[in-house]
N, C-alpha and C. Protein backbone atom coordinates (compact mmCIF):
# COMPACT_ATOMS: atom_id res chain seq x y z
N MET A 1 3.37 -11.36 -0.12
CA MET A 1 1.99 -11.62 -0.43
C MET A 1 1.48 -12.12 -2.19
N LYS A 2 1.11 -13.07 -1.96
CA LYS A 2 0.71 -13.22 -3.92
C LYS A 2 -0.75 -13.84 -4.25
N THR A 3 -0.64 -13.80 -5.18
CA THR A 3 -1.82 -13.64 -5.08
C THR A 3 -2.54 -14.55 -5.42
N SER A 4 -1.97 -15.56 -5.21
CA SER A 4 -2.73 -17.04 -5.23
C SER A 4 -3.22 -17.06 -3.65
N ASP A 5 -2.61 -16.39 -2.72
CA ASP A 5 -2.61 -16.10 -0.91
C ASP A 5 -3.94 -15.49 -0.92
N MET A 6 -4.57 -14.72 -1.60
CA MET A 6 -5.16 -13.80 -1.24
C MET A 6 -7.20 -14.08 -1.42
N THR A 7 -7.88 -12.85 -0.74
CA THR A 7 -8.76 -13.70 -0.84
C THR A 7 -9.41 -12.68 -1.44
N GLY A 8 -10.54 -12.96 -2.80
CA GLY A 8 -11.33 -12.15 -3.38
C GLY A 8 -11.57 -10.68 -2.37
N ASP A 9 -12.00 -10.46 -1.59
CA ASP A 9 -11.43 -8.48 -0.83
C ASP A 9 -10.60 -8.42 -0.78
N ASP A 10 -8.88 -9.25 0.17
CA ASP A 10 -7.85 -8.99 -0.43
C ASP A 10 -7.69 -7.82 -2.18
N LEU A 11 -7.71 -9.20 -2.99
CA LEU A 11 -7.55 -8.80 -4.33
C LEU A 11 -7.45 -6.81 -4.75
N LEU A 12 -8.71 -7.32 -4.68
CA LEU A 12 -10.16 -5.65 -5.00
C LEU A 12 -9.00 -4.78 -4.15
N ARG A 13 -8.90 -4.91 -2.28
CA ARG A 13 -8.51 -4.29 -1.37
C ARG A 13 -7.07 -3.10 -2.48
N VAL A 14 -5.88 -4.74 -3.00
CA VAL A 14 -4.70 -4.23 -2.86
C VAL A 14 -5.16 -3.86 -4.12
N LEU A 15 -5.73 -4.09 -5.91
CA LEU A 15 -6.33 -3.64 -6.78
C LEU A 15 -6.40 -2.01 -6.70
N ALA A 16 -7.45 -2.00 -5.61
CA ALA A 16 -7.88 -0.54 -5.53
C ALA A 16 -7.11 0.53 -4.38
N THR A 17 -5.54 0.26 -4.33
CA THR A 17 -5.12 0.80 -3.19
C THR A 17 -4.67 1.22 -4.50
N LEU A 18 -4.09 0.70 -5.11
CA LEU A 18 -2.78 0.98 -6.16
C LEU A 18 -3.37 1.06 -7.65
N ALA A 19 -4.84 1.96 -7.61
CA ALA A 19 -5.32 2.30 -8.47
C ALA A 19 -5.64 4.12 -8.54
N ASN A 20 -4.43 4.78 -7.69
CA ASN A 20 -4.29 5.88 -7.27
C ASN A 20 -2.72 6.83 -7.86
N PRO A 21 -2.43 7.68 -8.26
CA PRO A 21 -0.89 7.64 -9.30
C PRO A 21 -0.30 7.59 -7.64
N HIS A 22 -1.05 8.74 -6.47
CA HIS A 22 -0.08 9.09 -5.77
C HIS A 22 0.59 7.33 -5.01
N ARG A 23 -0.56 7.33 -5.45
CA ARG A 23 0.35 5.27 -4.38
C ARG A 23 1.48 4.62 -4.94
N LEU A 24 0.55 5.01 -6.20
CA LEU A 24 1.88 4.17 -7.23
C LEU A 24 3.58 4.55 -7.32
N ARG A 25 3.37 6.32 -6.84
CA ARG A 25 4.61 6.52 -6.89
C ARG A 25 5.23 6.68 -5.65
N VAL A 26 4.15 5.89 -4.83
CA VAL A 26 5.05 5.83 -3.44
C VAL A 26 5.38 4.81 -3.32
N VAL A 27 5.07 3.08 -3.20
CA VAL A 27 5.58 2.43 -3.83
C VAL A 27 6.62 2.17 -4.41
N ALA A 28 6.47 3.29 -5.62
CA ALA A 28 8.58 3.51 -6.65
C ALA A 28 9.84 3.83 -5.60
N ALA A 29 9.11 4.67 -5.00
CA ALA A 29 10.06 5.15 -4.68
C ALA A 29 10.62 4.73 -3.10
N LEU A 30 9.58 3.80 -2.88
CA LEU A 30 10.02 2.82 -1.47
C LEU A 30 10.58 1.62 -2.32
N ALA A 31 10.12 0.93 -2.86
CA ALA A 31 11.14 -0.15 -3.47
C ALA A 31 12.36 -0.04 -3.86
N ALA A 32 12.71 1.30 -4.35
CA ALA A 32 14.12 1.41 -4.39
C ALA A 32 15.06 1.88 -2.96
N GLU A 33 14.10 2.64 -2.15
CA GLU A 33 15.05 2.43 -0.42
C GLU A 33 14.06 2.60 0.16
N ARG A 34 14.23 2.45 1.38
CA ARG A 34 13.02 2.78 2.83
C ARG A 34 13.56 4.71 3.45
N ASN A 35 12.02 4.55 3.64
CA ASN A 35 12.35 6.23 3.78
C ASN A 35 11.28 6.69 5.13
N TYR A 36 11.76 7.79 5.33
CA TYR A 36 10.96 8.85 6.20
C TYR A 36 9.90 9.00 6.01
N VAL A 37 8.06 9.70 5.83
CA VAL A 37 7.96 10.70 5.63
C VAL A 37 8.28 12.21 5.22
N SER A 38 8.82 12.59 5.89
CA SER A 38 9.31 13.90 5.43
C SER A 38 9.63 14.34 4.08
N GLN A 39 11.06 13.02 4.59
CA GLN A 39 12.20 13.12 2.75
C GLN A 39 11.25 12.80 2.06
N LEU A 40 9.75 11.58 2.30
CA LEU A 40 9.81 10.92 1.22
C LEU A 40 8.69 12.16 0.62
N ALA A 41 8.11 12.66 1.39
CA ALA A 41 6.85 13.20 1.03
C ALA A 41 8.09 14.56 0.30
N ARG A 42 9.12 15.01 0.24
CA ARG A 42 10.04 15.62 -0.07
C ARG A 42 10.34 16.21 -1.50
N GLU A 43 10.47 14.33 -1.73
CA GLU A 43 11.18 13.63 -2.44
C GLU A 43 9.74 13.11 -4.05
N LEU A 44 8.66 13.54 -3.55
CA LEU A 44 7.79 13.37 -4.21
C LEU A 44 6.59 14.65 -4.12
N ASP A 45 7.88 15.97 -3.73
CA ASP A 45 7.07 16.83 -3.96
C ASP A 45 4.91 17.37 -3.61
N ILE A 46 4.40 16.32 -2.46
CA ILE A 46 3.18 16.23 -1.81
C ILE A 46 3.34 16.52 0.09
N SER A 47 2.54 17.34 -0.16
CA SER A 47 2.32 17.85 1.03
C SER A 47 2.65 16.41 2.64
N ARG A 48 2.81 16.35 3.72
CA ARG A 48 3.22 15.17 4.67
C ARG A 48 1.88 14.69 4.69
N ALA A 49 0.48 15.27 4.67
CA ALA A 49 -0.29 15.17 5.43
C ALA A 49 -1.15 14.08 3.99
N LEU A 50 -1.27 14.64 3.45
CA LEU A 50 -1.17 13.59 1.95
C LEU A 50 -0.83 12.83 2.05
N LEU A 51 0.84 12.37 1.98
CA LEU A 51 1.78 11.40 1.95
C LEU A 51 1.17 10.18 3.17
N GLN A 52 0.99 10.94 4.75
CA GLN A 52 0.51 9.71 5.30
C GLN A 52 -1.44 9.34 4.87
N VAL A 53 -1.86 9.69 4.43
CA VAL A 53 -3.01 9.31 4.13
C VAL A 53 -2.84 8.06 2.98
N HIS A 54 -2.48 8.90 2.01
CA HIS A 54 -1.83 7.74 1.31
C HIS A 54 -0.80 6.30 1.77
N LEU A 55 -0.15 6.64 2.91
CA LEU A 55 0.51 5.58 3.52
C LEU A 55 -0.35 4.85 4.06
N ARG A 56 -1.13 4.93 4.84
CA ARG A 56 -2.16 3.99 5.53
C ARG A 56 -2.71 3.15 4.92
N LYS A 57 -3.00 3.73 3.63
CA LYS A 57 -4.03 2.72 2.70
C LYS A 57 -2.87 2.21 2.49
N LEU A 58 -1.81 2.06 2.18
CA LEU A 58 -0.99 0.89 1.13
C LEU A 58 -0.21 0.04 2.41
N GLN A 59 -0.61 1.23 3.92
CA GLN A 59 -0.50 -0.18 4.64
C GLN A 59 -1.25 -0.60 5.12
N ALA A 60 -2.40 -0.37 5.08
CA ALA A 60 -4.12 -1.27 4.71
C ALA A 60 -4.30 -2.64 4.73
N ALA A 61 -3.36 -2.26 2.67
CA ALA A 61 -3.52 -3.35 2.18
C ALA A 61 -2.23 -4.26 1.97
N GLY A 62 -1.85 -3.60 3.09
CA GLY A 62 -0.41 -5.34 2.94
C GLY A 62 0.48 -4.49 2.06
N LEU A 63 0.41 -3.65 1.64
CA LEU A 63 1.75 -3.02 0.57
C LEU A 63 3.51 -2.56 0.83
N VAL A 64 2.48 -1.97 2.41
CA VAL A 64 4.37 -0.86 2.81
C VAL A 64 4.33 -1.91 4.47
N SER A 65 5.25 -1.39 5.06
CA SER A 65 4.97 -1.98 6.36
C SER A 65 6.51 -0.60 7.33
N ALA A 66 5.98 -0.53 8.29
CA ALA A 66 6.72 0.47 8.74
C ALA A 66 7.47 -0.01 10.20
N ASP A 67 8.39 0.54 10.78
CA ASP A 67 9.38 0.53 11.90
C ASP A 67 9.77 1.96 12.21
N ILE A 68 9.40 2.48 13.68
CA ILE A 68 10.30 3.44 14.15
C ILE A 68 11.34 2.91 15.38
N GLU A 69 12.12 4.18 14.54
CA GLU A 69 13.98 4.26 15.14
C GLU A 69 14.28 5.32 15.65
N VAL A 70 14.68 6.06 16.39
CA VAL A 70 15.45 7.17 16.67
C VAL A 70 16.52 7.62 16.59
N SER A 71 16.57 8.62 15.74
CA SER A 71 17.17 9.51 14.96
C SER A 71 18.78 9.52 16.26
N HIS A 72 19.80 10.28 16.01
CA HIS A 72 20.82 10.69 16.51
C HIS A 72 20.57 12.16 18.09
N ASP A 73 19.85 12.56 16.68
CA ASP A 73 19.03 13.60 18.07
C ASP A 73 17.91 13.27 18.94
N GLY A 74 17.80 11.74 18.86
CA GLY A 74 16.97 11.53 20.16
C GLY A 74 16.00 11.87 19.76
N LYS A 75 14.89 12.25 18.40
CA LYS A 75 13.83 12.03 17.51
C LYS A 75 13.63 10.63 17.37
N ALA A 76 12.29 10.33 17.59
CA ALA A 76 11.47 8.93 16.90
C ALA A 76 11.06 9.44 15.39
N MET A 77 11.22 8.49 14.64
CA MET A 77 11.45 9.12 12.49
C MET A 77 10.67 7.77 12.50
N LYS A 78 9.88 7.13 11.69
CA LYS A 78 9.08 5.96 11.29
C LYS A 78 9.52 5.71 9.59
N PHE A 79 9.57 4.64 9.17
CA PHE A 79 10.58 4.61 8.52
C PHE A 79 9.50 3.34 7.68
N TYR A 80 9.49 3.93 6.58
CA TYR A 80 8.24 2.40 5.97
C TYR A 80 9.68 2.08 4.64
N GLN A 81 8.70 0.88 4.08
CA GLN A 81 9.36 0.42 2.74
C GLN A 81 8.29 -0.66 2.56
N VAL A 82 8.31 -1.02 1.75
CA VAL A 82 7.71 -1.90 0.25
C VAL A 82 7.48 -3.63 1.81
N THR A 83 6.44 -4.06 1.29
CA THR A 83 6.26 -5.63 1.69
C THR A 83 6.49 -5.86 0.78
N SER A 84 7.22 -7.18 0.76
CA SER A 84 6.80 -8.39 -0.17
C SER A 84 6.20 -8.78 -1.33
N PHE A 85 5.84 -8.58 -2.31
CA PHE A 85 4.42 -8.83 -3.30
C PHE A 85 3.99 -9.09 -4.57
N ALA A 86 3.56 -10.04 -4.41
CA ALA A 86 3.72 -10.30 -6.12
C ALA A 86 2.22 -10.95 -6.88
N LEU A 87 1.56 -9.99 -7.21
CA LEU A 87 0.74 -9.50 -7.97
C LEU A 87 0.86 -10.44 -9.89
N GLN A 88 -0.34 -11.86 -9.78
CA GLN A 88 -0.02 -11.91 -10.72
C GLN A 88 -2.14 -11.94 -11.48
N LEU A 89 -2.29 -11.32 -12.13
CA LEU A 89 -3.39 -11.46 -12.83
C LEU A 89 -4.07 -11.90 -14.08
N THR A 90 -4.44 -13.55 -13.32
CA THR A 90 -4.93 -14.07 -14.96
C THR A 90 -6.40 -14.56 -15.01
N PRO A 91 -7.33 -14.67 -15.78
CA PRO A 91 -8.43 -14.92 -15.98
C PRO A 91 -9.20 -15.67 -15.12
N GLN A 92 -7.85 -17.15 -14.79
CA GLN A 92 -8.09 -18.61 -13.54
C GLN A 92 -7.66 -17.47 -11.74
N THR A 93 -6.74 -16.71 -12.27
CA THR A 93 -6.84 -15.89 -10.76
C THR A 93 -7.73 -14.87 -9.93
N ILE A 94 -8.43 -14.49 -11.14
CA ILE A 94 -9.79 -14.07 -10.69
C ILE A 94 -10.89 -14.58 -11.15
N MET A 95 -11.21 -15.74 -11.73
CA MET A 95 -12.12 -16.98 -11.02
C MET A 95 -12.27 -17.25 -10.02
N ALA A 96 -10.69 -17.49 -8.75
CA ALA A 96 -10.21 -18.30 -8.13
C ALA A 96 -10.81 -17.01 -6.62
N ALA A 97 -10.68 -15.53 -7.28
CA ALA A 97 -11.10 -14.32 -5.68
C ALA A 97 -12.25 -13.70 -6.44
N VAL A 98 -12.49 -13.89 -6.64
CA VAL A 98 -14.42 -14.27 -6.92
C VAL A 98 -15.26 -15.15 -6.65
N ARG A 99 -14.59 -16.50 -6.67
CA ARG A 99 -15.28 -17.72 -5.28
C ARG A 99 -15.19 -17.14 -3.75
N THR A 100 -14.12 -16.04 -3.38
CA THR A 100 -13.93 -15.60 -1.69
C THR A 100 -14.84 -14.31 -1.52
N LEU A 101 -14.89 -13.97 -2.82
CA LEU A 101 -14.88 -12.22 -2.93
C LEU A 101 -16.70 -12.02 -2.24
N HIS A 102 -16.59 -11.37 -0.84
CA HIS A 102 -17.65 -10.80 0.30
C HIS A 102 -17.42 -9.23 0.66
N ALA A 103 -17.46 -8.90 -1.05
CA ALA A 103 -17.21 -7.78 -0.81
C ALA A 103 -18.54 -6.23 0.34
N THR A 104 -17.42 -5.99 1.43
CA THR A 104 -18.98 -5.07 2.35
C THR A 104 -19.12 -3.91 1.89
N SER A 105 -19.89 -3.10 2.22
CA SER A 105 -20.20 -1.75 1.43
C SER A 105 -18.89 -0.80 2.57
N GLU A 106 -17.82 -0.74 3.38
CA GLU A 106 -17.11 -0.18 3.23
C GLU A 106 -16.09 -1.34 2.51
N LEU A 107 -15.52 -1.40 2.25
CA LEU A 107 -15.03 -2.21 1.00
C LEU A 107 -15.06 -1.65 -0.79
N ASP A 108 -16.61 -1.27 -1.23
CA ASP A 108 -16.93 -1.00 -2.08
C ASP A 108 -16.64 -0.02 -1.76
N ALA A 109 -16.78 1.19 -0.84
CA ALA A 109 -16.92 2.52 -0.90
C ALA A 109 -15.96 3.06 -0.97
N GLU A 110 -14.41 1.55 -0.98
CA GLU A 110 -13.08 2.46 -0.71
C GLU A 110 -12.68 2.34 -1.69
N VAL A 111 -12.98 1.18 -2.90
CA VAL A 111 -12.54 1.07 -4.09
C VAL A 111 -13.52 2.18 -5.03
N ARG A 112 -14.39 3.13 -4.96
CA ARG A 112 -14.82 3.73 -5.16
C ARG A 112 -14.43 5.12 -5.34
N ARG A 113 -12.88 5.46 -4.47
CA ARG A 113 -12.53 6.47 -3.58
C ARG A 113 -12.03 6.18 -4.93
């Protein structure tokens, strides 16, 4: 995902998603290596429930993806990894994004969180 390929709504969603310190820490940890929820929660010292919330938001913004794998003991494990993305914010990219901005009340509410 590149900034030039994003609509204004996409850019707003990504920026709002990354404007949270927990989600930045999740992206940084997953950039180092893909991981599953329980291990990642331990490494980041946050609850699995809170981590799940952040992972859902990151996934909805297209910043992380997940794959389910079966462990040696037959347990299904969901591994998360960072998706490839490059954001370049310039006055010109913001001008282009604004032309395609159709922020709905749902997106507006998400940005305020």
